[in-house]
Amino acid sequence: MLEWSRQWLLEGDIVRCPYCHNYQPLSRGHRVFVHQEQCKGASFVEQYPWRWLAWNLRSL
């Protein structure tokens, strides 16, 4: 969870990139996250933040 929270911001039912501030609602969680051009967040390995969050929470 710590690594997830370094790369993403959770605001209600949206996930936001802390660098370019683009966002993705939960309803589009099955799609790859789209960053603004030249965003350093685009270089992160994980680009499905909702899936990654669900994976992290699975054991709760």
PDB file of N, CA and C in Angstrom:
ATOM      1  N   MET A   1       0.814  -1.192   0.000  1.00  0.00           N
ATOM      2  CA  MET A   1       0.000   0.000   0.000  1.00  0.00           C
ATOM      3  C   MET A   1       0.860   1.259   0.000  1.00  0.00           C
ATOM      4  N   LEU A   2       2.010   1.190   0.665  1.00  0.00           N
ATOM      5  CA  LEU A   2       2.866   2.382   0.680  1.00  0.00           C
ATOM      6  C   LEU A   2       3.326   2.758  -0.725  1.00  0.00           C
ATOM      7  N   GLU A   3       3.727   1.767  -1.498  1.00  0.00           N
ATOM      8  CA  GLU A   3       4.180   2.054  -2.858  1.00  0.00           C
ATOM      9  C   GLU A   3       3.020   2.581  -3.703  1.00  0.00           C
ATOM     10  N   TRP A   4       1.844   2.005  -3.539  1.00  0.00           N
ATOM     11  CA  TRP A   4       0.671   2.477  -4.283  1.00  0.00           C
ATOM     12  C   TRP A   4       0.415   3.947  -3.969  1.00  0.00           C
ATOM     13  N   SER A   5       0.460   4.302  -2.699  1.00  0.00           N
ATOM     14  CA  SER A   5       0.148   5.683  -2.303  1.00  0.00           C
ATOM     15  C   SER A   5       1.245   6.675  -2.693  1.00  0.00           C
ATOM     16  N   ARG A   6       2.421   6.192  -3.041  1.00  0.00           N
ATOM     17  CA  ARG A   6       3.469   7.084  -3.567  1.00  0.00           C
ATOM     18  C   ARG A   6       3.208   7.427  -5.033  1.00  0.00           C
ATOM     19  N   GLN A   7       2.482   6.552  -5.720  1.00  0.00           N
ATOM     20  CA  GLN A   7       2.274   6.736  -7.155  1.00  0.00           C
ATOM     21  C   GLN A   7       0.887   7.245  -7.514  1.00  0.00           C
ATOM     22  N   TRP A   8      -0.062   7.154  -6.584  1.00  0.00           N
ATOM     23  CA  TRP A   8      -1.449   7.515  -6.900  1.00  0.00           C
ATOM     24  C   TRP A   8      -2.096   8.246  -5.742  1.00  0.00           C
ATOM     25  N   LEU A   9      -3.112   9.043  -6.063  1.00  0.00           N
ATOM     26  CA  LEU A   9      -3.935   9.710  -5.057  1.00  0.00           C
ATOM     27  C   LEU A   9      -5.354   9.183  -5.195  1.00  0.00           C
ATOM     28  N   LEU A  10      -5.977   8.807  -4.096  1.00  0.00           N
ATOM     29  CA  LEU A  10      -7.349   8.336  -4.111  1.00  0.00           C
ATOM     30  C   LEU A  10      -8.234   9.449  -3.595  1.00  0.00           C
ATOM     31  N   GLU A  11      -9.194   9.863  -4.409  1.00  0.00           N
ATOM     32  CA  GLU A  11     -10.120  10.934  -4.048  1.00  0.00           C
ATOM     33  C   GLU A  11     -11.541  10.447  -4.311  1.00  0.00           C
ATOM     34  N   GLY A  12     -12.137   9.869  -3.289  1.00  0.00           N
ATOM     35  CA  GLY A  12     -13.475   9.313  -3.450  1.00  0.00           C
ATOM     36  C   GLY A  12     -13.436   8.132  -4.397  1.00  0.00           C
ATOM     37  N   ASP A  13     -14.142   8.249  -5.527  1.00  0.00           N
ATOM     38  CA  ASP A  13     -14.164   7.150  -6.493  1.00  0.00           C
ATOM     39  C   ASP A  13     -13.325   7.440  -7.728  1.00  0.00           C
ATOM     40  N   ILE A  14     -12.307   8.297  -7.561  1.00  0.00           N
ATOM     41  CA  ILE A  14     -11.355   8.523  -8.648  1.00  0.00           C
ATOM     42  C   ILE A  14      -9.931   8.331  -8.135  1.00  0.00           C
ATOM     43  N   VAL A  15      -9.065   7.932  -9.044  1.00  0.00           N
ATOM     44  CA  VAL A  15      -7.629   7.852  -8.786  1.00  0.00           C
ATOM     45  C   VAL A  15      -6.978   8.946  -9.613  1.00  0.00           C
ATOM     46  N   ARG A  16      -6.057   9.659  -9.005  1.00  0.00           N
ATOM     47  CA  ARG A  16      -5.401  10.784  -9.676  1.00  0.00           C
ATOM     48  C   ARG A  16      -3.900  10.588  -9.664  1.00  0.00           C
ATOM     49  N   CYS A  17      -3.256  10.967 -10.750  1.00  0.00           N
ATOM     50  CA  CYS A  17      -1.794  10.980 -10.802  1.00  0.00           C
ATOM     51  C   CYS A  17      -1.308  12.228 -10.068  1.00  0.00           C
ATOM     52  N   PRO A  18      -0.385  12.087  -9.125  1.00  0.00           N
ATOM     53  CA  PRO A  18       0.089  13.261  -8.392  1.00  0.00           C
ATOM     54  C   PRO A  18       0.992  14.181  -9.209  1.00  0.00           C
ATOM     55  N   TYR A  19       1.383  13.747 -10.384  1.00  0.00           N
ATOM     56  CA  TYR A  19       2.297  14.542 -11.213  1.00  0.00           C
ATOM     57  C   TYR A  19       1.569  15.345 -12.287  1.00  0.00           C
ATOM     58  N   CYS A  20       0.740  14.688 -13.076  1.00  0.00           N
ATOM     59  CA  CYS A  20       0.036  15.405 -14.153  1.00  0.00           C
ATOM     60  C   CYS A  20      -1.406  15.740 -13.773  1.00  0.00           C
ATOM     61  N   HIS A  21      -1.891  15.167 -12.686  1.00  0.00           N
ATOM     62  CA  HIS A  21      -3.226  15.401 -12.154  1.00  0.00           C
ATOM     63  C   HIS A  21      -4.356  14.846 -13.021  1.00  0.00           C
ATOM     64  N   ASN A  22      -4.035  14.049 -14.032  1.00  0.00           N
ATOM     65  CA  ASN A  22      -5.089  13.344 -14.748  1.00  0.00           C
ATOM     66  C   ASN A  22      -5.741  12.375 -13.777  1.00  0.00           C
ATOM     67  N   TYR A  23      -6.960  11.998 -14.084  1.00  0.00           N
ATOM     68  CA  TYR A  23      -7.681  11.119 -13.175  1.00  0.00           C
ATOM     69  C   TYR A  23      -8.405  10.020 -13.933  1.00  0.00           C
ATOM     70  N   GLN A  24      -8.810   9.012 -13.169  1.00  0.00           N
ATOM     71  CA  GLN A  24      -9.546   7.889 -13.733  1.00  0.00           C
ATOM     72  C   GLN A  24     -10.620   7.476 -12.729  1.00  0.00           C
ATOM     73  N   PRO A  25     -11.882   7.461 -13.153  1.00  0.00           N
ATOM     74  CA  PRO A  25     -12.936   6.990 -12.250  1.00  0.00           C
ATOM     75  C   PRO A  25     -12.898   5.470 -12.123  1.00  0.00           C
ATOM     76  N   LEU A  26     -13.487   4.980 -11.071  1.00  0.00           N
ATOM     77  CA  LEU A  26     -13.552   3.543 -10.835  1.00  0.00           C
ATOM     78  C   LEU A  26     -14.190   2.808 -12.013  1.00  0.00           C
ATOM     79  N   SER A  27     -15.164   3.419 -12.642  1.00  0.00           N
ATOM     80  CA  SER A  27     -15.858   2.773 -13.762  1.00  0.00           C
ATOM     81  C   SER A  27     -14.943   2.502 -14.961  1.00  0.00           C
ATOM     82  N   ARG A  28     -13.783   3.134 -15.008  1.00  0.00           N
ATOM     83  CA  ARG A  28     -12.818   2.901 -16.087  1.00  0.00           C
ATOM     84  C   ARG A  28     -11.568   2.177 -15.584  1.00  0.00           C
ATOM     85  N   GLY A  29     -11.694   1.553 -14.434  1.00  0.00           N
ATOM     86  CA  GLY A  29     -10.563   0.879 -13.814  1.00  0.00           C
ATOM     87  C   GLY A  29     -10.003  -0.282 -14.612  1.00  0.00           C
ATOM     88  N   HIS A  30     -10.764  -0.796 -15.541  1.00  0.00           N
ATOM     89  CA  HIS A  30     -10.291  -1.896 -16.384  1.00  0.00           C
ATOM     90  C   HIS A  30      -9.407  -1.408 -17.527  1.00  0.00           C
ATOM     91  N   ARG A  31      -9.296  -0.103 -17.689  1.00  0.00           N
ATOM     92  CA  ARG A  31      -8.474   0.485 -18.757  1.00  0.00           C
ATOM     93  C   ARG A  31      -7.157   1.007 -18.200  1.00  0.00           C
ATOM     94  N   VAL A  32      -6.170   1.084 -19.070  1.00  0.00           N
ATOM     95  CA  VAL A  32      -4.884   1.635 -18.667  1.00  0.00           C
ATOM     96  C   VAL A  32      -5.066   3.121 -18.325  1.00  0.00           C
ATOM     97  N   PHE A  33      -4.343   3.597 -17.341  1.00  0.00           N
ATOM     98  CA  PHE A  33      -4.407   4.998 -16.939  1.00  0.00           C
ATOM     99  C   PHE A  33      -3.724   5.854 -18.004  1.00  0.00           C
ATOM    100  N   VAL A  34      -4.359   6.956 -18.383  1.00  0.00           N
ATOM    101  CA  VAL A  34      -3.810   7.849 -19.407  1.00  0.00           C
ATOM    102  C   VAL A  34      -3.246   9.088 -18.723  1.00  0.00           C
ATOM    103  N   HIS A  35      -1.949   9.278 -18.871  1.00  0.00           N
ATOM    104  CA  HIS A  35      -1.273  10.447 -18.318  1.00  0.00           C
ATOM    105  C   HIS A  35      -1.165  11.538 -19.375  1.00  0.00           C
ATOM    106  N   GLN A  36      -0.896  12.766 -18.927  1.00  0.00           N
ATOM    107  CA  GLN A  36      -0.599  13.842 -19.865  1.00  0.00           C
ATOM    108  C   GLN A  36       0.767  13.583 -20.482  1.00  0.00           C
ATOM    109  N   GLU A  37       0.981  14.165 -21.637  1.00  0.00           N
ATOM    110  CA  GLU A  37       2.250  13.988 -22.350  1.00  0.00           C
ATOM    111  C   GLU A  37       3.419  14.418 -21.473  1.00  0.00           C
ATOM    112  N   GLN A  38       4.451  13.615 -21.447  1.00  0.00           N
ATOM    113  CA  GLN A  38       5.699  13.846 -20.715  1.00  0.00           C
ATOM    114  C   GLN A  38       5.543  13.813 -19.192  1.00  0.00           C
ATOM    115  N   CYS A  39       4.490  13.185 -18.705  1.00  0.00           N
ATOM    116  CA  CYS A  39       4.311  13.029 -17.261  1.00  0.00           C
ATOM    117  C   CYS A  39       5.279  11.971 -16.758  1.00  0.00           C
ATOM    118  N   LYS A  40       5.972  12.264 -15.668  1.00  0.00           N
ATOM    119  CA  LYS A  40       6.907  11.264 -15.154  1.00  0.00           C
ATOM    120  C   LYS A  40       6.178  10.067 -14.543  1.00  0.00           C
ATOM    121  N   GLY A  41       4.925  10.203 -14.229  1.00  0.00           N
ATOM    122  CA  GLY A  41       4.140   9.081 -13.734  1.00  0.00           C
ATOM    123  C   GLY A  41       3.882   8.031 -14.796  1.00  0.00           C
ATOM    124  N   ALA A  42       3.992   8.405 -16.052  1.00  0.00           N
ATOM    125  CA  ALA A  42       3.767   7.460 -17.146  1.00  0.00           C
ATOM    126  C   ALA A  42       4.855   6.389 -17.188  1.00  0.00           C
ATOM    127  N   SER A  43       5.967   6.627 -16.541  1.00  0.00           N
ATOM    128  CA  SER A  43       7.062   5.653 -16.556  1.00  0.00           C
ATOM    129  C   SER A  43       6.904   4.583 -15.465  1.00  0.00           C
ATOM    130  N   PHE A  44       5.916   4.712 -14.599  1.00  0.00           N
ATOM    131  CA  PHE A  44       5.692   3.702 -13.565  1.00  0.00           C
ATOM    132  C   PHE A  44       5.358   2.374 -14.216  1.00  0.00           C
ATOM    133  N   VAL A  45       5.756   1.317 -13.586  1.00  0.00           N
ATOM    134  CA  VAL A  45       5.502  -0.022 -14.117  1.00  0.00           C
ATOM    135  C   VAL A  45       4.007  -0.313 -14.141  1.00  0.00           C
ATOM    136  N   GLU A  46       3.313   0.001 -13.075  1.00  0.00           N
ATOM    137  CA  GLU A  46       1.897  -0.322 -12.961  1.00  0.00           C
ATOM    138  C   GLU A  46       1.027   0.824 -13.480  1.00  0.00           C
ATOM    139  N   GLN A  47       0.251   0.568 -14.507  1.00  0.00           N
ATOM    140  CA  GLN A  47      -0.604   1.598 -15.077  1.00  0.00           C
ATOM    141  C   GLN A  47      -2.094   1.256 -14.980  1.00  0.00           C
ATOM    142  N   TYR A  48      -2.412   0.290 -14.107  1.00  0.00           N
ATOM    143  CA  TYR A  48      -3.795  -0.048 -13.789  1.00  0.00           C
ATOM    144  C   TYR A  48      -3.982   0.171 -12.287  1.00  0.00           C
ATOM    145  N   PRO A  49      -4.102   1.435 -11.860  1.00  0.00           N
ATOM    146  CA  PRO A  49      -4.108   1.706 -10.421  1.00  0.00           C
ATOM    147  C   PRO A  49      -5.261   1.059  -9.666  1.00  0.00           C
ATOM    148  N   TRP A  50      -6.425   0.926 -10.280  1.00  0.00           N
ATOM    149  CA  TRP A  50      -7.549   0.302  -9.585  1.00  0.00           C
ATOM    150  C   TRP A  50      -7.302  -1.179  -9.357  1.00  0.00           C
ATOM    151  N   ARG A  51      -6.755  -1.848 -10.334  1.00  0.00           N
ATOM    152  CA  ARG A  51      -6.435  -3.276 -10.171  1.00  0.00           C
ATOM    153  C   ARG A  51      -5.383  -3.473  -9.092  1.00  0.00           C
ATOM    154  N   TRP A  52      -4.382  -2.603  -9.114  1.00  0.00           N
ATOM    155  CA  TRP A  52      -3.311  -2.686  -8.131  1.00  0.00           C
ATOM    156  C   TRP A  52      -3.857  -2.434  -6.724  1.00  0.00           C
ATOM    157  N   LEU A  53      -4.746  -1.459  -6.588  1.00  0.00           N
ATOM    158  CA  LEU A  53      -5.354  -1.176  -5.283  1.00  0.00           C
ATOM    159  C   LEU A  53      -6.158  -2.383  -4.812  1.00  0.00           C
ATOM    160  N   ALA A  54      -6.954  -2.955  -5.674  1.00  0.00           N
ATOM    161  CA  ALA A  54      -7.741  -4.146  -5.310  1.00  0.00           C
ATOM    162  C   ALA A  54      -6.836  -5.282  -4.878  1.00  0.00           C
ATOM    163  N   TRP A  55      -5.744  -5.482  -5.580  1.00  0.00           N
ATOM    164  CA  TRP A  55      -4.806  -6.547  -5.229  1.00  0.00           C
ATOM    165  C   TRP A  55      -4.236  -6.301  -3.833  1.00  0.00           C
ATOM    166  N   ASN A  56      -3.908  -5.045  -3.530  1.00  0.00           N
ATOM    167  CA  ASN A  56      -3.358  -4.711  -2.214  1.00  0.00           C
ATOM    168  C   ASN A  56      -4.379  -4.905  -1.092  1.00  0.00           C
ATOM    169  N   LEU A  57      -5.641  -4.701  -1.386  1.00  0.00           N
ATOM    170  CA  LEU A  57      -6.679  -4.796  -0.365  1.00  0.00           C
ATOM    171  C   LEU A  57      -7.286  -6.180  -0.225  1.00  0.00           C
ATOM    172  N   ARG A  58      -6.891  -7.108  -1.057  1.00  0.00           N
ATOM    173  CA  ARG A  58      -7.522  -8.430  -1.091  1.00  0.00           C
ATOM    174  C   ARG A  58      -7.461  -9.189   0.220  1.00  0.00           C
ATOM    175  N   SER A  59      -6.449  -8.939   1.019  1.00  0.00           N
ATOM    176  CA  SER A  59      -6.288  -9.716   2.243  1.00  0.00           C
ATOM    177  C   SER A  59      -6.986  -9.073   3.458  1.00  0.00           C
ATOM    178  N   LEU A  60      -7.622  -7.953   3.269  1.00  0.00           N
ATOM    179  CA  LEU A  60      -8.298  -7.305   4.414  1.00  0.00           C
ATOM    180  C   LEU A  60      -9.637  -7.942   4.709  1.00  0.00           C
TER     181      LEU A  60
END
